[in-house]
N, C-alpha and C. Protein backbone atom coordinates (compact mmCIF):
# COMPACT_ATOMS: atom_id res chain seq x y z
N MET A 1 23.14 -39.21 18.08
CA MET A 1 23.90 -38.18 17.47
C MET A 1 25.01 -38.07 19.13
N ALA A 2 26.20 -38.33 17.91
CA ALA A 2 26.83 -38.12 19.71
C ALA A 2 27.39 -36.54 19.26
N GLN A 3 27.62 -36.01 20.84
CA GLN A 3 28.05 -34.70 20.72
C GLN A 3 29.31 -34.61 21.06
N PRO A 4 30.15 -33.34 20.87
CA PRO A 4 31.52 -33.20 20.96
C PRO A 4 31.44 -32.79 22.76
N ASP A 5 31.35 -33.99 23.46
CA ASP A 5 31.48 -33.83 24.88
C ASP A 5 32.10 -32.67 25.77
N VAL A 6 31.73 -31.31 25.14
CA VAL A 6 31.82 -30.14 26.31
C VAL A 6 30.65 -29.78 27.02
N ARG A 7 29.71 -31.03 26.87
CA ARG A 7 28.01 -30.74 27.82
C ARG A 7 27.91 -29.64 28.08
N ALA A 8 27.40 -28.72 26.68
CA ALA A 8 26.41 -27.82 26.17
C ALA A 8 24.99 -27.91 26.40
N ARG A 9 24.32 -27.30 26.63
CA ARG A 9 22.88 -27.76 26.79
C ARG A 9 22.22 -28.28 24.94
N ILE A 10 21.42 -28.87 24.84
CA ILE A 10 20.91 -29.35 23.61
C ILE A 10 20.84 -28.37 22.39
N GLY A 11 20.11 -26.62 22.85
CA GLY A 11 20.03 -26.49 22.01
C GLY A 11 21.04 -25.78 21.52
N GLU A 12 22.40 -25.36 22.56
CA GLU A 12 23.45 -24.41 21.76
C GLU A 12 24.53 -25.82 21.03
N ILE A 13 24.54 -27.00 21.72
CA ILE A 13 24.94 -27.99 20.93
C ILE A 13 24.51 -28.22 19.24
N LEU A 14 23.23 -28.18 18.99
CA LEU A 14 22.16 -27.91 17.92
C LEU A 14 22.99 -26.99 17.12
N ALA A 15 22.53 -26.04 17.62
CA ALA A 15 23.26 -24.63 16.77
C ALA A 15 24.38 -24.66 16.36
N LEU A 16 25.71 -25.32 16.87
CA LEU A 16 26.83 -25.02 16.66
C LEU A 16 27.18 -25.01 15.08
N ARG A 17 27.87 -24.41 14.54
CA ARG A 17 28.47 -24.25 13.04
C ARG A 17 30.13 -24.59 12.89
N TRP A 18 29.96 -25.01 11.67
CA TRP A 18 31.33 -25.21 11.38
C TRP A 18 32.56 -24.49 11.75
N GLU A 19 31.83 -23.43 11.53
CA GLU A 19 32.40 -21.98 11.72
C GLU A 19 32.87 -21.57 13.50
N ASP A 20 31.91 -21.90 13.92
CA ASP A 20 32.46 -22.05 15.34
C ASP A 20 33.59 -22.69 15.94
N LEU A 21 33.81 -23.75 15.09
CA LEU A 21 35.23 -24.91 15.54
C LEU A 21 36.95 -23.84 14.91
N GLY A 22 37.31 -23.99 16.03
CA GLY A 22 39.30 -23.61 15.88
C GLY A 22 39.82 -24.48 15.98
N LEU A 23 39.65 -25.20 14.66
CA LEU A 23 40.67 -26.56 14.70
C LEU A 23 42.28 -26.75 14.08
N ALA A 24 42.48 -25.49 13.93
CA ALA A 24 43.64 -24.92 13.34
C ALA A 24 44.81 -24.35 14.58
N THR A 25 44.04 -24.78 15.30
CA THR A 25 45.68 -24.10 16.72
C THR A 25 45.92 -25.30 17.80
N GLU A 26 46.61 -25.05 18.48
CA GLU A 26 47.44 -26.36 18.87
C GLU A 26 46.34 -26.97 19.82
N ARG A 27 45.53 -25.80 20.46
CA ARG A 27 44.42 -26.44 21.61
C ARG A 27 43.42 -26.45 21.20
N PRO A 28 42.29 -27.25 19.93
CA PRO A 28 41.47 -27.02 19.16
C PRO A 28 39.74 -26.61 20.41
N THR A 29 39.22 -26.06 20.29
CA THR A 29 38.23 -24.93 20.49
C THR A 29 36.88 -24.90 19.74
N LEU A 30 36.16 -24.65 20.64
CA LEU A 30 34.99 -24.92 20.09
C LEU A 30 34.18 -23.32 20.99
N THR A 31 33.71 -22.40 20.01
CA THR A 31 32.92 -21.21 20.47
C THR A 31 31.26 -21.65 20.42
N ILE A 32 30.50 -21.60 21.67
CA ILE A 32 29.19 -21.64 21.67
C ILE A 32 28.67 -20.18 21.75
N CYS A 33 28.26 -20.13 20.76
CA CYS A 33 27.27 -18.86 20.83
C CYS A 33 26.38 -18.34 19.77
N GLY A 34 24.95 -19.11 20.13
CA GLY A 34 23.56 -19.43 19.95
C GLY A 34 23.19 -20.11 20.42
N THR A 35 21.97 -20.41 20.35
CA THR A 35 20.89 -21.70 20.57
C THR A 35 19.91 -21.64 19.59
N LEU A 36 19.11 -22.96 19.51
CA LEU A 36 17.98 -23.37 18.66
C LEU A 36 16.84 -22.76 19.70
N VAL A 37 16.22 -22.29 19.07
CA VAL A 37 14.81 -22.08 19.69
C VAL A 37 13.67 -22.09 18.44
N PHE A 38 12.30 -22.47 19.09
CA PHE A 38 10.65 -22.69 18.33
C PHE A 38 10.46 -21.66 18.29
N VAL A 39 9.78 -20.80 17.59
CA VAL A 39 8.91 -20.04 17.49
C VAL A 39 7.59 -20.31 16.77
N THR A 40 6.69 -20.15 17.03
CA THR A 40 4.95 -20.53 16.06
C THR A 40 4.93 -19.55 14.94
N GLY A 41 4.68 -20.76 14.30
CA GLY A 41 4.18 -19.97 13.14
C GLY A 41 5.76 -19.66 12.05
N GLN A 42 6.95 -20.02 12.81
CA GLN A 42 8.41 -19.68 12.22
C GLN A 42 9.16 -20.90 12.37
N GLY A 43 9.25 -21.76 13.02
CA GLY A 43 9.94 -23.10 13.27
C GLY A 43 11.04 -22.62 14.63
N ILE A 44 11.67 -23.41 14.04
CA ILE A 44 13.00 -23.83 14.44
C ILE A 44 13.89 -22.65 13.85
N PHE A 45 14.81 -21.70 14.81
CA PHE A 45 15.73 -20.70 13.93
C PHE A 45 16.75 -20.95 14.78
N ARG A 46 18.09 -20.42 14.51
CA ARG A 46 19.13 -19.93 15.40
C ARG A 46 19.13 -18.64 15.85
N GLN A 47 18.86 -18.81 17.07
CA GLN A 47 19.15 -16.66 17.63
C GLN A 47 20.75 -16.86 18.14
N PRO A 48 21.51 -15.90 17.87
CA PRO A 48 22.91 -15.58 18.27
C PRO A 48 23.14 -15.57 19.21
N TRP A 49 22.38 -15.88 20.49
CA TRP A 49 23.48 -15.73 21.66
C TRP A 49 22.47 -16.84 22.59
N THR A 50 23.13 -17.02 23.37
CA THR A 50 23.08 -17.93 24.33
C THR A 50 21.53 -17.62 25.63
N LYS A 51 21.61 -19.14 26.29
CA LYS A 51 21.06 -18.49 27.72
C LYS A 51 21.19 -17.58 28.57
N SER A 52 22.35 -17.59 28.65
CA SER A 52 22.80 -16.81 29.32
C SER A 52 24.10 -15.80 29.06
N ASP A 53 25.05 -14.26 28.95
CA ASP A 53 26.05 -13.94 29.13
C ASP A 53 26.74 -14.93 29.19
N ALA A 54 27.12 -16.10 29.98
CA ALA A 54 28.02 -17.16 30.59
C ALA A 54 28.31 -17.90 29.64
N GLY A 55 26.93 -18.30 28.81
CA GLY A 55 26.77 -19.20 28.23
C GLY A 55 27.47 -19.18 26.37
N HIS A 56 28.09 -18.26 26.76
CA HIS A 56 28.47 -17.73 25.15
C HIS A 56 30.61 -17.44 25.88
N ARG A 57 30.63 -19.03 25.59
CA ARG A 57 31.98 -19.81 25.98
C ARG A 57 32.89 -20.29 24.53
N MET A 58 34.17 -20.05 24.97
CA MET A 58 35.01 -20.55 24.27
C MET A 58 35.23 -22.04 25.07
N VAL A 59 35.21 -23.29 24.62
CA VAL A 59 35.73 -24.15 25.10
C VAL A 59 36.87 -24.65 24.87
N VAL A 60 37.88 -25.76 25.16
CA VAL A 60 39.09 -26.54 24.44
C VAL A 60 38.07 -27.48 24.36
N LEU A 61 38.58 -28.64 23.14
CA LEU A 61 38.07 -29.86 22.98
C LEU A 61 39.24 -30.96 23.49
N PRO A 62 38.51 -32.22 23.31
CA PRO A 62 39.57 -33.54 24.15
C PRO A 62 39.81 -33.93 23.01
N ARG A 63 40.60 -34.38 22.67
CA ARG A 63 41.21 -35.02 21.71
C ARG A 63 39.90 -35.96 20.80
N PHE A 64 39.31 -36.95 21.49
CA PHE A 64 38.37 -37.62 21.15
C PHE A 64 36.90 -36.72 20.15
N ALA A 65 36.84 -35.82 20.88
CA ALA A 65 35.91 -34.62 19.98
C ALA A 65 36.29 -34.38 18.99
N ILE A 66 37.48 -34.35 18.93
CA ILE A 66 38.09 -33.54 17.27
C ILE A 66 37.92 -34.69 16.50
N GLY A 67 38.47 -35.60 16.65
CA GLY A 67 37.88 -37.07 15.91
C GLY A 67 36.80 -37.51 15.67
N MET A 68 35.94 -37.10 16.44
CA MET A 68 34.67 -37.32 15.97
C MET A 68 33.73 -36.32 15.16
N LEU A 69 34.46 -35.18 15.36
CA LEU A 69 33.95 -33.83 14.26
C LEU A 69 34.53 -34.09 13.08
N MET A 70 35.73 -34.27 13.34
CA MET A 70 36.32 -34.79 11.82
C MET A 70 35.93 -35.21 11.33
N ASP A 71 35.79 -36.65 11.15
CA ASP A 71 34.70 -37.45 10.71
C ASP A 71 33.31 -37.56 10.38
N ARG A 72 32.62 -36.49 11.31
CA ARG A 72 31.27 -35.90 10.79
C ARG A 72 31.62 -35.08 9.81
N LYS A 73 32.69 -34.40 9.64
CA LYS A 73 32.59 -33.56 8.77
C LYS A 73 33.18 -33.63 7.21
N VAL A 74 33.85 -34.69 7.42
CA VAL A 74 33.05 -35.66 6.52
C VAL A 74 32.51 -36.41 5.49
N ASP A 75 31.59 -36.81 6.71
CA ASP A 75 30.47 -37.43 6.28
C ASP A 75 28.90 -36.53 6.40
N ALA A 76 29.15 -35.28 6.41
CA ALA A 76 28.32 -34.35 6.44
C ALA A 76 27.76 -34.15 5.31
N PRO A 77 26.75 -33.62 4.58
CA PRO A 77 26.71 -33.48 3.34
C PRO A 77 26.49 -31.46 3.84
N ASP A 78 26.47 -30.88 3.01
CA ASP A 78 26.51 -28.98 2.97
C ASP A 78 25.23 -28.75 3.16
N ASN A 79 24.97 -27.97 4.31
CA ASN A 79 23.97 -27.08 4.45
C ASN A 79 23.75 -25.90 4.09
N PRO A 80 22.91 -25.16 4.14
CA PRO A 80 22.52 -23.67 3.90
C PRO A 80 23.05 -23.12 5.37
N HIS A 81 22.87 -23.51 6.40
CA HIS A 81 23.47 -22.78 7.95
C HIS A 81 24.82 -23.23 8.18
N ASP A 82 25.32 -23.83 7.70
CA ASP A 82 26.81 -24.47 7.94
C ASP A 82 26.34 -25.23 9.59
N ALA A 83 25.39 -26.01 9.26
CA ALA A 83 25.27 -26.47 11.21
C ALA A 83 26.05 -27.79 11.06
N ILE A 84 26.85 -28.25 12.13
CA ILE A 84 27.58 -29.21 12.11
C ILE A 84 26.25 -30.25 12.47
N PHE A 85 25.71 -30.04 12.80
CA PHE A 85 24.30 -31.31 13.06
C PHE A 85 22.96 -30.50 12.43
N ALA A 86 22.93 -31.19 11.12
CA ALA A 86 21.66 -30.55 10.38
C ALA A 86 20.60 -31.93 10.19
N SER A 87 19.25 -31.53 9.71
CA SER A 87 18.80 -33.03 9.65
C SER A 87 19.08 -33.25 7.92
N GLN A 88 18.83 -34.51 7.39
CA GLN A 88 18.55 -34.91 6.32
C GLN A 88 18.27 -33.77 5.48
N ARG A 89 17.68 -33.40 5.22
CA ARG A 89 17.38 -32.11 4.48
C ARG A 89 18.24 -30.73 4.87
N GLY A 90 18.89 -30.68 5.36
CA GLY A 90 19.59 -29.45 5.40
C GLY A 90 19.10 -28.11 6.78
N THR A 91 18.10 -28.72 7.66
CA THR A 91 17.47 -28.23 8.17
C THR A 91 18.40 -27.97 9.95
N TRP A 92 17.97 -27.34 10.56
CA TRP A 92 18.09 -27.19 12.28
C TRP A 92 17.61 -28.64 12.16
N LEU A 93 18.39 -29.09 13.50
CA LEU A 93 17.62 -30.33 14.39
C LEU A 93 16.82 -29.84 15.22
N SER A 94 15.38 -30.43 15.42
CA SER A 94 15.00 -30.19 16.48
C SER A 94 14.78 -30.42 18.27
N PRO A 95 15.59 -29.08 18.92
CA PRO A 95 16.07 -29.85 20.40
C PRO A 95 14.92 -30.96 20.89
N ASN A 96 13.16 -30.70 20.58
CA ASN A 96 12.87 -31.81 20.96
C ASN A 96 12.37 -32.82 20.23
N ASN A 97 13.09 -32.87 19.08
CA ASN A 97 12.64 -34.13 18.24
C ASN A 97 13.82 -34.79 18.84
N VAL A 98 14.91 -34.38 19.19
CA VAL A 98 16.40 -34.81 19.41
C VAL A 98 16.08 -35.52 21.01
N ARG A 99 15.23 -35.23 21.47
CA ARG A 99 14.94 -35.25 23.20
C ARG A 99 14.32 -36.93 23.35
N ARG A 100 12.95 -36.37 21.98
CA ARG A 100 12.29 -37.37 21.67
C ARG A 100 12.59 -38.90 21.11
N GLN A 101 14.15 -38.47 20.36
CA GLN A 101 15.13 -39.58 19.54
C GLN A 101 15.74 -40.88 20.31
N TRP A 102 16.14 -39.26 21.61
CA TRP A 102 17.15 -40.06 22.31
C TRP A 102 15.94 -41.75 23.69
N ARG A 103 14.89 -40.71 23.98
CA ARG A 103 14.07 -41.93 24.98
C ARG A 103 14.02 -42.40 24.08
N GLN A 104 13.71 -42.91 22.73
CA GLN A 104 13.08 -43.95 21.82
C GLN A 104 14.85 -44.94 22.32
N ALA A 105 15.79 -44.22 21.49
CA ALA A 105 17.12 -45.02 21.74
C ALA A 105 16.79 -45.81 22.94
N ARG A 106 16.62 -45.57 24.40
CA ARG A 106 16.43 -46.36 25.43
C ARG A 106 15.68 -46.72 25.52
N ALA A 107 14.83 -46.66 25.34
CA ALA A 107 13.19 -47.04 25.69
C ALA A 107 13.67 -48.87 26.42
N ASP A 108 14.23 -49.50 25.85
CA ASP A 108 14.35 -50.80 26.06
C ASP A 108 15.26 -51.59 27.04
N THR A 109 15.62 -50.78 27.22
CA THR A 109 17.39 -50.75 28.18
C THR A 109 16.91 -50.54 29.48
N ASP A 110 18.68 -50.49 30.23
CA ASP A 110 18.26 -50.19 31.59
C ASP A 110 18.66 -48.34 32.08
N LEU A 111 18.65 -48.33 30.55
CA LEU A 111 19.08 -46.69 30.56
C LEU A 111 18.16 -45.70 30.99
N GLY A 112 17.15 -45.42 31.23
CA GLY A 112 15.99 -45.46 31.50
C GLY A 112 16.47 -43.63 32.41
N TRP A 113 17.03 -43.90 32.67
CA TRP A 113 17.11 -42.77 33.63
C TRP A 113 18.41 -41.60 33.09
N VAL A 114 19.17 -42.30 32.00
CA VAL A 114 19.98 -41.08 31.63
C VAL A 114 19.46 -40.30 30.61
N THR A 115 19.15 -38.93 30.71
CA THR A 115 19.06 -37.84 30.16
C THR A 115 20.04 -37.31 29.46
N PRO A 116 19.64 -35.97 28.39
CA PRO A 116 21.06 -35.51 28.24
C PRO A 116 21.13 -34.54 29.45
N HIS A 117 20.54 -34.23 30.54
CA HIS A 117 20.75 -33.52 31.48
C HIS A 117 21.28 -34.64 32.36
N THR A 118 21.50 -35.90 32.34
CA THR A 118 22.60 -36.56 32.96
C THR A 118 23.88 -36.23 32.79
N PHE A 119 24.31 -36.22 31.25
CA PHE A 119 25.47 -36.10 30.71
C PHE A 119 26.01 -34.94 31.08
N ARG A 120 25.81 -33.54 31.26
CA ARG A 120 25.88 -32.04 31.92
C ARG A 120 26.07 -32.11 33.56
N LYS A 121 25.20 -33.05 34.12
CA LYS A 121 25.73 -33.77 35.58
C LYS A 121 26.97 -34.35 35.73
N THR A 122 27.29 -35.67 34.88
CA THR A 122 28.49 -35.77 35.04
C THR A 122 29.66 -35.20 34.90
N VAL A 123 29.73 -34.18 33.79
CA VAL A 123 30.77 -33.37 33.35
C VAL A 123 31.47 -32.54 34.75
N ALA A 124 29.95 -31.94 35.07
CA ALA A 124 30.06 -31.12 36.29
C ALA A 124 31.16 -31.38 37.27
N THR A 125 30.52 -32.87 38.11
CA THR A 125 30.95 -33.53 38.80
C THR A 125 32.26 -33.89 38.44
N LEU A 126 32.62 -34.61 37.75
CA LEU A 126 34.19 -34.62 37.17
C LEU A 126 35.33 -33.43 37.14
N ILE A 127 34.91 -32.35 36.35
CA ILE A 127 35.44 -31.31 36.31
C ILE A 127 35.79 -30.18 38.01
N LYS A 128 34.72 -30.99 38.49
CA LYS A 128 34.87 -30.72 40.31
C LYS A 128 35.77 -31.34 40.61
N GLU A 129 35.88 -33.11 40.65
CA GLU A 129 36.48 -33.58 41.71
C GLU A 129 38.15 -33.37 40.97
N GLU A 130 38.13 -33.14 39.70
CA GLU A 130 39.70 -32.97 39.26
C GLU A 130 39.83 -31.70 39.58
N LYS A 131 39.05 -30.25 39.63
CA LYS A 131 39.47 -29.18 39.04
C LYS A 131 38.60 -28.27 40.29
N ASP A 132 37.93 -27.77 39.92
CA ASP A 132 37.01 -26.88 40.80
C ASP A 132 35.74 -26.23 40.49
N THR A 133 35.16 -25.86 41.36
CA THR A 133 33.50 -25.96 41.09
C THR A 133 33.59 -24.45 40.25
N LYS A 134 34.59 -23.35 40.05
CA LYS A 134 34.35 -22.44 38.91
C LYS A 134 34.43 -23.01 37.54
N SER A 135 35.29 -24.23 37.52
CA SER A 135 35.66 -24.35 35.85
C SER A 135 34.72 -24.87 35.66
N ALA A 136 33.80 -25.97 37.07
CA ALA A 136 32.66 -26.63 36.25
C ALA A 136 31.69 -25.59 35.52
N SER A 137 31.39 -24.96 36.36
CA SER A 137 30.72 -23.67 35.98
C SER A 137 30.90 -23.16 34.70
N ALA A 138 31.66 -22.48 34.47
CA ALA A 138 32.37 -22.32 33.34
C ALA A 138 32.31 -23.39 32.18
N GLN A 139 32.07 -24.54 32.13
CA GLN A 139 32.35 -25.33 30.90
C GLN A 139 31.15 -25.07 30.83
N LEU A 140 29.97 -25.74 31.69
CA LEU A 140 28.71 -25.40 31.17
C LEU A 140 27.63 -24.59 30.83
N GLY A 141 28.35 -23.42 31.05
CA GLY A 141 28.32 -21.70 30.90
C GLY A 141 26.66 -21.39 31.93
N HIS A 142 27.42 -21.34 32.73
CA HIS A 142 26.23 -21.07 34.40
C HIS A 142 27.21 -20.04 34.94
N SER A 143 25.92 -19.03 34.98
CA SER A 143 25.93 -17.49 35.56
C SER A 143 26.31 -17.31 37.08
N SER A 144 26.84 -18.29 37.61
CA SER A 144 26.63 -18.43 38.93
C SER A 144 27.62 -20.19 39.21
N GLU A 145 28.43 -19.84 40.14
CA GLU A 145 28.93 -21.03 40.65
C GLU A 145 27.98 -21.77 41.60
N GLU A 146 26.84 -21.03 41.68
CA GLU A 146 26.15 -22.04 42.61
C GLU A 146 24.83 -22.90 42.37
N VAL A 147 24.64 -22.17 41.02
CA VAL A 147 23.78 -23.23 40.27
C VAL A 147 24.45 -24.52 40.47
N THR A 148 25.64 -24.06 39.51
CA THR A 148 26.50 -25.37 39.33
C THR A 148 26.31 -26.76 40.41
N ASP A 149 26.85 -25.96 41.38
CA ASP A 149 26.76 -26.96 42.93
C ASP A 149 25.64 -27.64 43.26
N THR A 150 24.80 -26.41 43.17
CA THR A 150 23.60 -27.02 44.01
C THR A 150 22.89 -28.14 43.21
N TYR A 151 22.37 -27.75 41.99
CA TYR A 151 22.07 -28.66 40.72
C TYR A 151 22.54 -29.73 39.54
N TYR A 152 23.86 -29.94 39.56
CA TYR A 152 24.54 -30.28 38.62
C TYR A 152 25.56 -31.27 39.33
N ILE A 153 26.77 -30.75 40.43
CA ILE A 153 27.52 -31.10 41.45
C ILE A 153 26.98 -32.68 41.91
N ALA A 154 26.81 -33.88 41.80
CA ALA A 154 26.84 -35.35 42.31
C ALA A 154 27.61 -34.95 43.86
N LYS A 155 26.90 -35.26 44.94
CA LYS A 155 27.42 -34.96 46.30
C LYS A 155 27.32 -36.11 47.12
N ALA A 156 27.94 -36.52 47.35
CA ALA A 156 27.82 -38.11 48.70
C ALA A 156 26.28 -37.72 49.46
N VAL A 157 25.69 -39.34 49.31
CA VAL A 157 24.17 -38.76 49.79
C VAL A 157 25.09 -39.78 51.63
N GLN A 158 23.92 -38.77 52.43
CA GLN A 158 24.30 -39.19 53.82
C GLN A 158 23.32 -40.43 54.07
N ALA A 159 24.17 -41.17 55.00
CA ALA A 159 23.26 -42.49 55.55
C ALA A 159 23.01 -42.05 56.31
N PRO A 160 22.07 -42.26 57.12
CA PRO A 160 21.56 -42.31 58.41
C PRO A 160 22.59 -42.56 59.27
N ASP A 161 22.58 -41.82 60.69
CA ASP A 161 23.44 -41.82 61.69
C ASP A 161 23.03 -43.52 62.69
N VAL A 162 23.46 -44.82 62.30
CA VAL A 162 23.23 -45.68 62.72
C VAL A 162 24.39 -46.27 63.84
N SER A 163 25.62 -44.93 63.85
CA SER A 163 27.19 -45.25 64.47
C SER A 163 26.65 -46.32 66.21
N ASP A 164 25.23 -45.85 66.70
CA ASP A 164 25.19 -46.45 68.49
C ASP A 164 24.76 -48.05 67.82
N ILE A 165 24.22 -48.39 66.80
CA ILE A 165 23.67 -49.68 66.43
C ILE A 165 25.02 -50.48 66.11
N LEU A 166 25.63 -50.02 65.35
CA LEU A 166 27.33 -50.37 65.12
C LEU A 166 28.10 -50.27 65.89
N GLU A 167 27.98 -49.72 66.52
CA GLU A 167 28.84 -49.67 68.33
C GLU A 167 29.27 -51.22 69.24
N ARG A 168 27.64 -51.61 69.12
CA ARG A 168 27.74 -53.08 69.27
C ARG A 168 28.56 -53.85 69.49
N LEU A 169 28.73 -54.31 67.78
CA LEU A 169 29.78 -55.03 67.21
C LEU A 169 31.17 -54.72 67.85
N GLY A 170 31.40 -53.24 68.09
CA GLY A 170 32.65 -53.30 68.53
C GLY A 170 33.16 -53.54 69.86
N THR A 171 31.77 -53.72 70.68
CA THR A 171 32.12 -53.88 72.03
C THR A 171 32.73 -55.40 72.39
N HIS A 172 31.97 -55.72 71.85
CA HIS A 172 32.75 -57.59 71.74
C HIS A 172 34.73 -57.29 71.65
N ARG A 173 35.01 -56.51 71.50
CA ARG A 173 36.07 -56.53 70.64
C ARG A 173 36.95 -57.02 71.92
N HIS A 174 36.85 -56.39 73.19
CA HIS A 174 37.35 -55.87 74.46
C HIS A 174 36.97 -56.74 75.64
N ARG A 175 35.76 -57.79 75.05
CA ARG A 175 35.45 -58.88 75.87
C ARG A 175 36.74 -60.13 75.46
N ARG A 176 36.56 -60.95 76.37
CA ARG A 176 37.11 -62.43 76.78
C ARG A 176 36.82 -63.12 75.44
N SER A 177 36.45 -63.50 74.47
CA SER A 177 35.77 -64.28 73.71
C SER A 177 35.16 -65.38 74.37
N ALA A 178 33.82 -65.83 74.17
CA ALA A 178 33.39 -66.87 74.97
C ALA A 178 33.38 -68.41 74.16
N PRO A 179 33.43 -69.49 74.96
CA PRO A 179 34.22 -70.78 74.00
C PRO A 179 33.06 -70.76 73.06
N PRO A 180 32.83 -71.42 72.19
CA PRO A 180 31.77 -71.67 71.40
C PRO A 180 30.85 -72.39 71.24
N ASN A 181 29.76 -72.54 71.59
CA ASN A 181 28.88 -73.48 72.32
C ASN A 181 28.13 -74.38 70.88
N PRO A 182 28.37 -75.86 71.37
CA PRO A 182 28.14 -76.92 70.80
C PRO A 182 27.00 -77.42 69.88
N ASN A 183 26.60 -76.42 70.67
CA ASN A 183 24.80 -76.75 70.00
C ASN A 183 24.86 -75.94 68.53
N ASP A 184 25.89 -74.60 68.91
CA ASP A 184 25.28 -74.11 67.86
C ASP A 184 25.92 -74.35 66.21
N ALA A 185 25.14 -74.59 65.63
CA ALA A 185 25.04 -74.51 63.92
C ALA A 185 26.12 -74.03 63.13
N HIS A 186 26.38 -72.61 63.74
CA HIS A 186 27.28 -71.94 62.66
C HIS A 186 28.84 -72.35 62.95
N GLY A 187 29.22 -72.21 64.30
CA GLY A 187 30.37 -72.33 65.29
C GLY A 187 31.22 -73.48 64.83
């Protein structure tokens, strides 16, 4: 299942309805305003709120996402929930089943490390690098920039300080080079 690369949570993406799209504007938008939950004895249903108040948001869609959604609209059968991502029977897709299908799809690949969370981290890092943490936090629906910065934005790994060892490479620069040893196989 391709998602419209806004990198919302799986339950938020699966809860999207066609009415949540604003395609008739110059800058088409998607309003994330619900999530799917499982309730024992009731099954999967859409709750009309997100994980947090900050999760209820409107995002501007990139052009490729608009194209993907329009193609999906043409091919998707109607369903009673107006769901963008419905099952073949017209019911809500289970977030757990989507996660399981994703694990199966990447099982025999070198992509075992790629999870839906990986995509969210990638989006957060890209937005932070190109704009700022505040924008990344808003895109992901976080209530604080601290959560985004701590858990989602990739940081450069600090290599151990081996500068003293490497300094030895530079100390020979200031000495006159010794003539090559004729017995040196590398000389």
